[in-house]
PDB file of N, CA and C in Angstrom:
ATOM      1  N   MET A   1      13.333 -12.274  38.753  1.00  0.00           N
ATOM      2  CA  MET A   1      11.896 -12.397  38.907  1.00  0.00           C
ATOM      3  C   MET A   1      11.186 -11.133  38.433  1.00  0.00           C
ATOM      4  N   ARG A   2      11.776  -9.979  38.705  1.00  0.00           N
ATOM      5  CA  ARG A   2      11.136  -8.727  38.296  1.00  0.00           C
ATOM      6  C   ARG A   2      11.079  -8.589  36.777  1.00  0.00           C
ATOM      7  N   ALA A   3      12.130  -9.035  36.088  1.00  0.00           N
ATOM      8  CA  ALA A   3      12.131  -8.954  34.625  1.00  0.00           C
ATOM      9  C   ALA A   3      11.004  -9.794  34.035  1.00  0.00           C
ATOM     10  N   GLY A   4      10.792 -10.965  34.591  1.00  0.00           N
ATOM     11  CA  GLY A   4       9.699 -11.822  34.129  1.00  0.00           C
ATOM     12  C   GLY A   4       8.347 -11.178  34.363  1.00  0.00           C
ATOM     13  N   ARG A   5       8.213 -10.506  35.470  1.00  0.00           N
ATOM     14  CA  ARG A   5       6.946  -9.827  35.769  1.00  0.00           C
ATOM     15  C   ARG A   5       6.733  -8.658  34.810  1.00  0.00           C
ATOM     16  N   ARG A   6       7.833  -7.924  34.478  1.00  0.00           N
ATOM     17  CA  ARG A   6       7.709  -6.808  33.540  1.00  0.00           C
ATOM     18  C   ARG A   6       7.288  -7.302  32.161  1.00  0.00           C
ATOM     19  N   VAL A   7       7.839  -8.417  31.736  1.00  0.00           N
ATOM     20  CA  VAL A   7       7.465  -8.988  30.440  1.00  0.00           C
ATOM     21  C   VAL A   7       5.993  -9.380  30.449  1.00  0.00           C
ATOM     22  N   ALA A   8       5.570 -10.033  31.518  1.00  0.00           N
ATOM     23  CA  ALA A   8       4.168 -10.445  31.621  1.00  0.00           C
ATOM     24  C   ALA A   8       3.252  -9.228  31.622  1.00  0.00           C
ATOM     25  N   ASN A   9       3.618  -8.196  32.376  1.00  0.00           N
ATOM     26  CA  ASN A   9       2.802  -6.977  32.415  1.00  0.00           C
ATOM     27  C   ASN A   9       2.774  -6.303  31.043  1.00  0.00           C
ATOM     28  N   GLY A  10       3.906  -6.326  30.340  1.00  0.00           N
ATOM     29  CA  GLY A  10       3.955  -5.746  29.005  1.00  0.00           C
ATOM     30  C   GLY A  10       3.065  -6.487  28.023  1.00  0.00           C
ATOM     31  N   LEU A  11       3.059  -7.806  28.128  1.00  0.00           N
ATOM     32  CA  LEU A  11       2.199  -8.603  27.252  1.00  0.00           C
ATOM     33  C   LEU A  11       0.728  -8.362  27.547  1.00  0.00           C
ATOM     34  N   ILE A  12       0.404  -8.208  28.801  1.00  0.00           N
ATOM     35  CA  ILE A  12      -0.986  -7.914  29.182  1.00  0.00           C
ATOM     36  C   ILE A  12      -1.382  -6.545  28.637  1.00  0.00           C
ATOM     37  N   ALA A  13      -0.494  -5.560  28.795  1.00  0.00           N
ATOM     38  CA  ALA A  13      -0.795  -4.217  28.288  1.00  0.00           C
ATOM     39  C   ALA A  13      -0.970  -4.232  26.775  1.00  0.00           C
ATOM     40  N   LEU A  14      -0.120  -4.990  26.070  1.00  0.00           N
ATOM     41  CA  LEU A  14      -0.238  -5.097  24.620  1.00  0.00           C
ATOM     42  C   LEU A  14      -1.557  -5.748  24.226  1.00  0.00           C
ATOM     43  N   ALA A  15      -1.935  -6.803  24.912  1.00  0.00           N
ATOM     44  CA  ALA A  15      -3.202  -7.483  24.619  1.00  0.00           C
ATOM     45  C   ALA A  15      -4.383  -6.546  24.842  1.00  0.00           C
ATOM     46  N   LEU A  16      -4.345  -5.765  25.902  1.00  0.00           N
ATOM     47  CA  LEU A  16      -5.427  -4.815  26.180  1.00  0.00           C
ATOM     48  C   LEU A  16      -5.461  -3.717  25.125  1.00  0.00           C
ATOM     49  N   ALA A  17      -4.289  -3.237  24.716  1.00  0.00           N
ATOM     50  CA  ALA A  17      -4.241  -2.185  23.703  1.00  0.00           C
ATOM     51  C   ALA A  17      -4.788  -2.691  22.376  1.00  0.00           C
ATOM     52  N   CYS A  18      -4.440  -3.924  22.041  1.00  0.00           N
ATOM     53  CA  CYS A  18      -4.939  -4.500  20.783  1.00  0.00           C
ATOM     54  C   CYS A  18      -6.444  -4.678  20.818  1.00  0.00           C
ATOM     55  N   SER A  19      -6.951  -5.132  21.945  1.00  0.00           N
ATOM     56  CA  SER A  19      -8.394  -5.344  22.029  1.00  0.00           C
ATOM     57  C   SER A  19      -9.141  -4.024  22.040  1.00  0.00           C
ATOM     58  N   ALA A  20      -8.491  -2.955  22.491  1.00  0.00           N
ATOM     59  CA  ALA A  20      -9.123  -1.640  22.498  1.00  0.00           C
ATOM     60  C   ALA A  20      -8.916  -0.904  21.187  1.00  0.00           C
ATOM     61  N   GLY A  21      -8.134  -1.478  20.283  1.00  0.00           N
ATOM     62  CA  GLY A  21      -7.889  -0.844  18.993  1.00  0.00           C
ATOM     63  C   GLY A  21      -6.795   0.205  19.045  1.00  0.00           C
ATOM     64  N   LEU A  22      -6.074   0.311  20.149  1.00  0.00           N
ATOM     65  CA  LEU A  22      -5.049   1.332  20.284  1.00  0.00           C
ATOM     66  C   LEU A  22      -3.776   0.987  19.539  1.00  0.00           C
ATOM     67  N   ALA A  23      -3.563  -0.262  19.215  1.00  0.00           N
ATOM     68  CA  ALA A  23      -2.339  -0.671  18.541  1.00  0.00           C
ATOM     69  C   ALA A  23      -2.500  -0.670  17.023  1.00  0.00           C
ATOM     70  N   ALA A  24      -3.673  -0.307  16.529  1.00  0.00           N
ATOM     71  CA  ALA A  24      -3.908  -0.351  15.088  1.00  0.00           C
ATOM     72  C   ALA A  24      -2.908   0.477  14.289  1.00  0.00           C
ATOM     73  N   PRO A  25      -2.563   1.721  14.707  1.00  0.00           N
ATOM     74  CA  PRO A  25      -1.582   2.463  13.917  1.00  0.00           C
ATOM     75  C   PRO A  25      -0.235   1.755  13.838  1.00  0.00           C
ATOM     76  N   ALA A  26       0.161   1.092  14.900  1.00  0.00           N
ATOM     77  CA  ALA A  26       1.441   0.395  14.896  1.00  0.00           C
ATOM     78  C   ALA A  26       1.408  -0.811  13.963  1.00  0.00           C
ATOM     79  N   LEU A  27       0.243  -1.356  13.729  1.00  0.00           N
ATOM     80  CA  LEU A  27       0.116  -2.541  12.880  1.00  0.00           C
ATOM     81  C   LEU A  27      -0.220  -2.186  11.438  1.00  0.00           C
ATOM     82  N   ALA A  28      -0.300  -0.880  11.126  1.00  0.00           N
ATOM     83  CA  ALA A  28      -0.690  -0.454   9.787  1.00  0.00           C
ATOM     84  C   ALA A  28       0.263  -0.963   8.718  1.00  0.00           C
ATOM     85  N   ALA A  29       1.519  -1.182   9.071  1.00  0.00           N
ATOM     86  CA  ALA A  29       2.485  -1.665   8.087  1.00  0.00           C
ATOM     87  C   ALA A  29       2.139  -3.062   7.591  1.00  0.00           C
ATOM     88  N   PHE A  30       1.296  -3.768   8.311  1.00  0.00           N
ATOM     89  CA  PHE A  30       0.941  -5.127   7.924  1.00  0.00           C
ATOM     90  C   PHE A  30      -0.391  -5.195   7.191  1.00  0.00           C
ATOM     91  N   ASP A  31      -0.984  -4.038   6.903  1.00  0.00           N
ATOM     92  CA  ASP A  31      -2.237  -4.009   6.163  1.00  0.00           C
ATOM     93  C   ASP A  31      -2.029  -4.515   4.750  1.00  0.00           C
ATOM     94  N   ASP A  32      -3.130  -4.846   4.097  1.00  0.00           N
ATOM     95  CA  ASP A  32      -3.070  -5.228   2.696  1.00  0.00           C
ATOM     96  C   ASP A  32      -2.627  -4.031   1.869  1.00  0.00           C
ATOM     97  N   PRO A  33      -1.996  -4.269   0.723  1.00  0.00           N
ATOM     98  CA  PRO A  33      -1.645  -3.137  -0.139  1.00  0.00           C
ATOM     99  C   PRO A  33      -2.905  -2.442  -0.613  1.00  0.00           C
ATOM    100  N   PRO A  34      -2.806  -1.168  -1.018  1.00  0.00           N
ATOM    101  CA  PRO A  34      -4.002  -0.418  -1.413  1.00  0.00           C
ATOM    102  C   PRO A  34      -4.824  -1.118  -2.466  1.00  0.00           C
ATOM    103  N   SER A  35      -4.172  -1.826  -3.375  1.00  0.00           N
ATOM    104  CA  SER A  35      -4.900  -2.474  -4.452  1.00  0.00           C
ATOM    105  C   SER A  35      -5.733  -3.653  -3.969  1.00  0.00           C
ATOM    106  N   ALA A  36      -5.444  -4.163  -2.772  1.00  0.00           N
ATOM    107  CA  ALA A  36      -6.169  -5.321  -2.268  1.00  0.00           C
ATOM    108  C   ALA A  36      -7.294  -4.933  -1.316  1.00  0.00           C
ATOM    109  N   ARG A  37      -7.375  -3.658  -0.964  1.00  0.00           N
ATOM    110  CA  ARG A  37      -8.417  -3.220  -0.030  1.00  0.00           C
ATOM    111  C   ARG A  37      -9.766  -3.140  -0.728  1.00  0.00           C
ATOM    112  N   ALA A  38     -10.808  -3.371   0.035  1.00  0.00           N
ATOM    113  CA  ALA A  38     -12.160  -3.236  -0.490  1.00  0.00           C
ATOM    114  C   ALA A  38     -12.664  -1.841  -0.147  1.00  0.00           C
ATOM    115  N   TYR A  39     -13.172  -1.123  -1.129  1.00  0.00           N
ATOM    116  CA  TYR A  39     -13.640   0.235  -0.916  1.00  0.00           C
ATOM    117  C   TYR A  39     -15.123   0.333  -1.243  1.00  0.00           C
ATOM    118  N   GLY A  40     -15.784   1.201  -0.509  1.00  0.00           N
ATOM    119  CA  GLY A  40     -17.158   1.550  -0.837  1.00  0.00           C
ATOM    120  C   GLY A  40     -17.123   2.682  -1.841  1.00  0.00           C
ATOM    121  N   ALA A  41     -18.277   3.138  -2.261  1.00  0.00           N
ATOM    122  CA  ALA A  41     -18.348   4.222  -3.233  1.00  0.00           C
ATOM    123  C   ALA A  41     -17.723   5.489  -2.650  1.00  0.00           C
ATOM    124  N   GLY A  42     -16.792   6.071  -3.390  1.00  0.00           N
ATOM    125  CA  GLY A  42     -16.195   7.329  -2.979  1.00  0.00           C
ATOM    126  C   GLY A  42     -15.095   7.217  -1.947  1.00  0.00           C
ATOM    127  N   ASP A  43     -14.713   6.014  -1.534  1.00  0.00           N
ATOM    128  CA  ASP A  43     -13.695   5.852  -0.503  1.00  0.00           C
ATOM    129  C   ASP A  43     -12.277   5.882  -1.045  1.00  0.00           C
ATOM    130  N   SER A  44     -12.073   5.581  -2.313  1.00  0.00           N
ATOM    131  CA  SER A  44     -10.716   5.421  -2.810  1.00  0.00           C
ATOM    132  C   SER A  44     -10.110   6.774  -3.185  1.00  0.00           C
ATOM    133  N   SER A  45      -8.807   6.863  -3.001  1.00  0.00           N
ATOM    134  CA  SER A  45      -8.078   8.078  -3.343  1.00  0.00           C
ATOM    135  C   SER A  45      -7.726   8.032  -4.830  1.00  0.00           C
ATOM    136  N   PRO A  46      -7.319   9.174  -5.402  1.00  0.00           N
ATOM    137  CA  PRO A  46      -6.895   9.153  -6.814  1.00  0.00           C
ATOM    138  C   PRO A  46      -5.751   8.166  -7.053  1.00  0.00           C
ATOM    139  N   ARG A  47      -4.833   8.078  -6.096  1.00  0.00           N
ATOM    140  CA  ARG A  47      -3.712   7.132  -6.224  1.00  0.00           C
ATOM    141  C   ARG A  47      -4.226   5.701  -6.320  1.00  0.00           C
ATOM    142  N   ASP A  48      -5.187   5.347  -5.472  1.00  0.00           N
ATOM    143  CA  ASP A  48      -5.745   3.996  -5.494  1.00  0.00           C
ATOM    144  C   ASP A  48      -6.488   3.720  -6.794  1.00  0.00           C
ATOM    145  N   ARG A  49      -7.193   4.726  -7.315  1.00  0.00           N
ATOM    146  CA  ARG A  49      -7.906   4.549  -8.585  1.00  0.00           C
ATOM    147  C   ARG A  49      -6.920   4.338  -9.730  1.00  0.00           C
ATOM    148  N   ILE A  50      -5.799   5.062  -9.704  1.00  0.00           N
ATOM    149  CA  ILE A  50      -4.773   4.875 -10.731  1.00  0.00           C
ATOM    150  C   ILE A  50      -4.211   3.462 -10.662  1.00  0.00           C
ATOM    151  N   ILE A  51      -3.900   3.011  -9.454  1.00  0.00           N
ATOM    152  CA  ILE A  51      -3.358   1.657  -9.275  1.00  0.00           C
ATOM    153  C   ILE A  51      -4.339   0.615  -9.794  1.00  0.00           C
ATOM    154  N   ASP A  52      -5.608   0.761  -9.441  1.00  0.00           N
ATOM    155  CA  ASP A  52      -6.622  -0.195  -9.914  1.00  0.00           C
ATOM    156  C   ASP A  52      -6.718  -0.199 -11.436  1.00  0.00           C
ATOM    157  N   ALA A  53      -6.688   0.992 -12.053  1.00  0.00           N
ATOM    158  CA  ALA A  53      -6.801   1.086 -13.511  1.00  0.00           C
ATOM    159  C   ALA A  53      -5.597   0.437 -14.192  1.00  0.00           C
ATOM    160  N   ILE A  54      -4.404   0.653 -13.652  1.00  0.00           N
ATOM    161  CA  ILE A  54      -3.194   0.069 -14.246  1.00  0.00           C
ATOM    162  C   ILE A  54      -3.215  -1.454 -14.105  1.00  0.00           C
ATOM    163  N   GLN A  55      -3.662  -1.947 -12.968  1.00  0.00           N
ATOM    164  CA  GLN A  55      -3.741  -3.401 -12.781  1.00  0.00           C
ATOM    165  C   GLN A  55      -4.691  -4.027 -13.793  1.00  0.00           C
ATOM    166  N   LYS A  56      -5.808  -3.373 -14.035  1.00  0.00           N
ATOM    167  CA  LYS A  56      -6.763  -3.902 -15.015  1.00  0.00           C
ATOM    168  C   LYS A  56      -6.198  -3.811 -16.431  1.00  0.00           C
ATOM    169  N   ARG A  57      -5.563  -2.680 -16.742  1.00  0.00           N
ATOM    170  CA  ARG A  57      -5.029  -2.477 -18.094  1.00  0.00           C
ATOM    171  C   ARG A  57      -3.974  -3.508 -18.451  1.00  0.00           C
ATOM    172  N   TYR A  58      -3.072  -3.798 -17.517  1.00  0.00           N
ATOM    173  CA  TYR A  58      -1.968  -4.713 -17.797  1.00  0.00           C
ATOM    174  C   TYR A  58      -2.212  -6.137 -17.300  1.00  0.00           C
ATOM    175  N   LYS A  59      -3.357  -6.371 -16.687  1.00  0.00           N
ATOM    176  CA  LYS A  59      -3.679  -7.694 -16.127  1.00  0.00           C
ATOM    177  C   LYS A  59      -2.522  -8.196 -15.260  1.00  0.00           C
ATOM    178  N   ALA A  60      -2.096  -7.324 -14.350  1.00  0.00           N
ATOM    179  CA  ALA A  60      -0.971  -7.613 -13.464  1.00  0.00           C
ATOM    180  C   ALA A  60      -1.254  -6.960 -12.113  1.00  0.00           C
ATOM    181  N   ARG A  61      -0.513  -7.395 -11.113  1.00  0.00           N
ATOM    182  CA  ARG A  61      -0.694  -6.890  -9.758  1.00  0.00           C
ATOM    183  C   ARG A  61       0.426  -5.905  -9.427  1.00  0.00           C
ATOM    184  N   VAL A  62       0.048  -4.740  -8.881  1.00  0.00           N
ATOM    185  CA  VAL A  62       1.036  -3.762  -8.437  1.00  0.00           C
ATOM    186  C   VAL A  62       1.619  -4.265  -7.124  1.00  0.00           C
ATOM    187  N   VAL A  63       2.950  -4.417  -7.096  1.00  0.00           N
ATOM    188  CA  VAL A  63       3.610  -4.930  -5.899  1.00  0.00           C
ATOM    189  C   VAL A  63       4.457  -3.876  -5.205  1.00  0.00           C
ATOM    190  N   ARG A  64       4.706  -2.740  -5.896  1.00  0.00           N
ATOM    191  CA  ARG A  64       5.451  -1.652  -5.260  1.00  0.00           C
ATOM    192  C   ARG A  64       5.093  -0.338  -5.933  1.00  0.00           C
ATOM    193  N   VAL A  65       4.976   0.713  -5.110  1.00  0.00           N
ATOM    194  CA  VAL A  65       4.684   2.046  -5.609  1.00  0.00           C
ATOM    195  C   VAL A  65       5.746   2.992  -5.063  1.00  0.00           C
ATOM    196  N   SER A  66       6.361   3.753  -5.953  1.00  0.00           N
ATOM    197  CA  SER A  66       7.341   4.762  -5.555  1.00  0.00           C
ATOM    198  C   SER A  66       6.922   6.096  -6.144  1.00  0.00           C
ATOM    199  N   GLU A  67       7.031   7.150  -5.342  1.00  0.00           N
ATOM    200  CA  GLU A  67       6.733   8.486  -5.846  1.00  0.00           C
ATOM    201  C   GLU A  67       7.992   9.055  -6.473  1.00  0.00           C
ATOM    202  N   THR A  68       7.835   9.732  -7.618  1.00  0.00           N
ATOM    203  CA  THR A  68       8.954  10.306  -8.339  1.00  0.00           C
ATOM    204  C   THR A  68       8.464  11.542  -9.073  1.00  0.00           C
ATOM    205  N   THR A  69       9.327  12.172  -9.829  1.00  0.00           N
ATOM    206  CA  THR A  69       8.925  13.293 -10.675  1.00  0.00           C
ATOM    207  C   THR A  69       9.434  13.046 -12.087  1.00  0.00           C
ATOM    208  N   VAL A  70       8.664  13.506 -13.058  1.00  0.00           N
ATOM    209  CA  VAL A  70       9.030  13.425 -14.465  1.00  0.00           C
ATOM    210  C   VAL A  70       8.756  14.800 -15.057  1.00  0.00           C
ATOM    211  N   ASN A  71       9.814  15.436 -15.553  1.00  0.00           N
ATOM    212  CA  ASN A  71       9.695  16.800 -16.106  1.00  0.00           C
ATOM    213  C   ASN A  71       9.035  17.750 -15.112  1.00  0.00           C
ATOM    214  N   GLY A  72       9.378  17.613 -13.846  1.00  0.00           N
ATOM    215  CA  GLY A  72       8.871  18.505 -12.811  1.00  0.00           C
ATOM    216  C   GLY A  72       7.469  18.183 -12.316  1.00  0.00           C
ATOM    217  N   ARG A  73       6.856  17.152 -12.821  1.00  0.00           N
ATOM    218  CA  ARG A  73       5.491  16.780 -12.402  1.00  0.00           C
ATOM    219  C   ARG A  73       5.534  15.523 -11.550  1.00  0.00           C
ATOM    220  N   ALA A  74       4.631  15.455 -10.601  1.00  0.00           N
ATOM    221  CA  ALA A  74       4.541  14.276  -9.730  1.00  0.00           C
ATOM    222  C   ALA A  74       4.146  13.060 -10.557  1.00  0.00           C
ATOM    223  N   ALA A  75       4.808  11.949 -10.271  1.00  0.00           N
ATOM    224  CA  ALA A  75       4.530  10.705 -10.987  1.00  0.00           C
ATOM    225  C   ALA A  75       4.642   9.545 -10.013  1.00  0.00           C
ATOM    226  N   LEU A  76       4.104   8.412 -10.424  1.00  0.00           N
ATOM    227  CA  LEU A  76       4.194   7.182  -9.652  1.00  0.00           C
ATOM    228  C   LEU A  76       4.925   6.144 -10.489  1.00  0.00           C
ATOM    229  N   GLU A  77       5.925   5.518  -9.889  1.00  0.00           N
ATOM    230  CA  GLU A  77       6.592   4.402 -10.547  1.00  0.00           C
ATOM    231  C   GLU A  77       6.024   3.132  -9.931  1.00  0.00           C
ATOM    232  N   LEU A  78       5.373   2.343 -10.745  1.00  0.00           N
ATOM    233  CA  LEU A  78       4.699   1.136 -10.282  1.00  0.00           C
ATOM    234  C   LEU A  78       5.457  -0.093 -10.754  1.00  0.00           C
ATOM    235  N   ARG A  79       5.707  -1.013  -9.852  1.00  0.00           N
ATOM    236  CA  ARG A  79       6.278  -2.313 -10.238  1.00  0.00           C
ATOM    237  C   ARG A  79       5.109  -3.282 -10.300  1.00  0.00           C
ATOM    238  N   LEU A  80       4.973  -3.953 -11.427  1.00  0.00           N
ATOM    239  CA  LEU A  80       3.876  -4.886 -11.636  1.00  0.00           C
ATOM    240  C   LEU A  80       4.394  -6.302 -11.789  1.00  0.00           C
ATOM    241  N   LEU A  81       3.565  -7.237 -11.371  1.00  0.00           N
ATOM    242  CA  LEU A  81       3.878  -8.659 -11.463  1.00  0.00           C
ATOM    243  C   LEU A  81       2.730  -9.358 -12.180  1.00  0.00           C
ATOM    244  N   SER A  82       3.056  -9.970 -13.309  1.00  0.00           N
ATOM    245  CA  SER A  82       2.052 -10.762 -14.026  1.00  0.00           C
ATOM    246  C   SER A  82       2.501 -12.215 -13.994  1.00  0.00           C
ATOM    247  N   ASP A  83       1.758 -13.077 -14.653  1.00  0.00           N
ATOM    248  CA  ASP A  83       2.131 -14.490 -14.705  1.00  0.00           C
ATOM    249  C   ASP A  83       3.452 -14.700 -15.448  1.00  0.00           C
ATOM    250  N   GLN A  84       3.741 -13.829 -16.420  1.00  0.00           N
ATOM    251  CA  GLN A  84       4.920 -14.028 -17.256  1.00  0.00           C
ATOM    252  C   GLN A  84       6.131 -13.188 -16.857  1.00  0.00           C
ATOM    253  N   ARG A  85       5.928 -12.022 -16.221  1.00  0.00           N
ATOM    254  CA  ARG A  85       7.062 -11.136 -16.008  1.00  0.00           C
ATOM    255  C   ARG A  85       6.834 -10.127 -14.888  1.00  0.00           C
ATOM    256  N   VAL A  86       7.918  -9.451 -14.535  1.00  0.00           N
ATOM    257  CA  VAL A  86       7.905  -8.319 -13.611  1.00  0.00           C
ATOM    258  C   VAL A  86       8.348  -7.111 -14.424  1.00  0.00           C
ATOM    259  N   PHE A  87       7.607  -6.000 -14.333  1.00  0.00           N
ATOM    260  CA  PHE A  87       7.951  -4.830 -15.121  1.00  0.00           C
ATOM    261  C   PHE A  87       7.522  -3.556 -14.403  1.00  0.00           C
ATOM    262  N   ASN A  88       8.065  -2.417 -14.863  1.00  0.00           N
ATOM    263  CA  ASN A  88       7.761  -1.120 -14.279  1.00  0.00           C
ATOM    264  C   ASN A  88       6.967  -0.273 -15.254  1.00  0.00           C
ATOM    265  N   VAL A  89       6.090   0.550 -14.689  1.00  0.00           N
ATOM    266  CA  VAL A  89       5.324   1.521 -15.454  1.00  0.00           C
ATOM    267  C   VAL A  89       5.379   2.824 -14.676  1.00  0.00           C
ATOM    268  N   VAL A  90       5.622   3.932 -15.374  1.00  0.00           N
ATOM    269  CA  VAL A  90       5.603   5.252 -14.751  1.00  0.00           C
ATOM    270  C   VAL A  90       4.357   5.969 -15.246  1.00  0.00           C
ATOM    271  N   VAL A  91       3.559   6.475 -14.302  1.00  0.00           N
ATOM    272  CA  VAL A  91       2.318   7.157 -14.650  1.00  0.00           C
ATOM    273  C   VAL A  91       2.280   8.541 -14.000  1.00  0.00           C
ATOM    274  N   ASP A  92       1.597   9.461 -14.665  1.00  0.00           N
ATOM    275  CA  ASP A  92       1.374  10.787 -14.105  1.00  0.00           C
ATOM    276  C   ASP A  92       0.492  10.633 -12.869  1.00  0.00           C
ATOM    277  N   ALA A  93       0.906  11.208 -11.746  1.00  0.00           N
ATOM    278  CA  ALA A  93       0.175  11.030 -10.484  1.00  0.00           C
ATOM    279  C   ALA A  93      -1.178  11.733 -10.484  1.00  0.00           C
ATOM    280  N   ALA A  94      -1.354  12.749 -11.316  1.00  0.00           N
ATOM    281  CA  ALA A  94      -2.627  13.468 -11.347  1.00  0.00           C
ATOM    282  C   ALA A  94      -3.626  12.845 -12.307  1.00  0.00           C
ATOM    283  N   SER A  95      -3.159  12.471 -13.499  1.00  0.00           N
ATOM    284  CA  SER A  95      -4.080  11.997 -14.527  1.00  0.00           C
ATOM    285  C   SER A  95      -4.102  10.486 -14.685  1.00  0.00           C
ATOM    286  N   GLY A  96      -3.040   9.803 -14.267  1.00  0.00           N
ATOM    287  CA  GLY A  96      -2.954   8.363 -14.466  1.00  0.00           C
ATOM    288  C   GLY A  96      -2.447   7.989 -15.843  1.00  0.00           C
ATOM    289  N   GLN A  97      -2.060   8.991 -16.664  1.00  0.00           N
ATOM    290  CA  GLN A  97      -1.539   8.722 -18.000  1.00  0.00           C
ATOM    291  C   GLN A  97      -0.210   8.005 -17.912  1.00  0.00           C
ATOM    292  N   VAL A  98      -0.061   6.933 -18.691  1.00  0.00           N
ATOM    293  CA  VAL A  98       1.182   6.177 -18.712  1.00  0.00           C
ATOM    294  C   VAL A  98       2.248   7.003 -19.413  1.00  0.00           C
ATOM    295  N   LEU A  99       3.367   7.234 -18.723  1.00  0.00           N
ATOM    296  CA  LEU A  99       4.465   8.033 -19.272  1.00  0.00           C
ATOM    297  C   LEU A  99       5.550   7.154 -19.875  1.00  0.00           C
ATOM    298  N   SER A 100       5.782   5.995 -19.280  1.00  0.00           N
ATOM    299  CA  SER A 100       6.771   5.075 -19.832  1.00  0.00           C
ATOM    300  C   SER A 100       6.561   3.679 -19.243  1.00  0.00           C
ATOM    301  N   GLY A 101       7.146   2.711 -19.918  1.00  0.00           N
ATOM    302  CA  GLY A 101       7.089   1.334 -19.447  1.00  0.00           C
ATOM    303  C   GLY A 101       5.917   0.561 -20.020  1.00  0.00           C
ATOM    304  N   GLY A 102       5.807  -0.626 -19.507  1.00  0.00           N
ATOM    305  CA  GLY A 102       4.704  -1.462 -19.924  1.00  0.00           C
ATOM    306  C   GLY A 102       5.168  -2.529 -20.805  1.00  0.00           C
TER     307      GLY A 102
END
């Protein structure tokens, strides 16, 4: 009987935390990918702007982002999905210049 009560109390606490917004950090993993978020003016990070530019350039959706280095410089390896194929593009993390792929 006590275990059932603990479960019920835990569910109540979770419901209260969610309604108070306290569980939001724990649920962040279920947010939309950065490319799907709506931003106001000045809200997007350089990484998000690069992702948006690459999606427009290749008419494809970024489905995975990995941080890497190329010749000692920070880079992003992007996996893109279009209607016809899945492919990778590596871009300079600072400038957004395409280094390889496409």
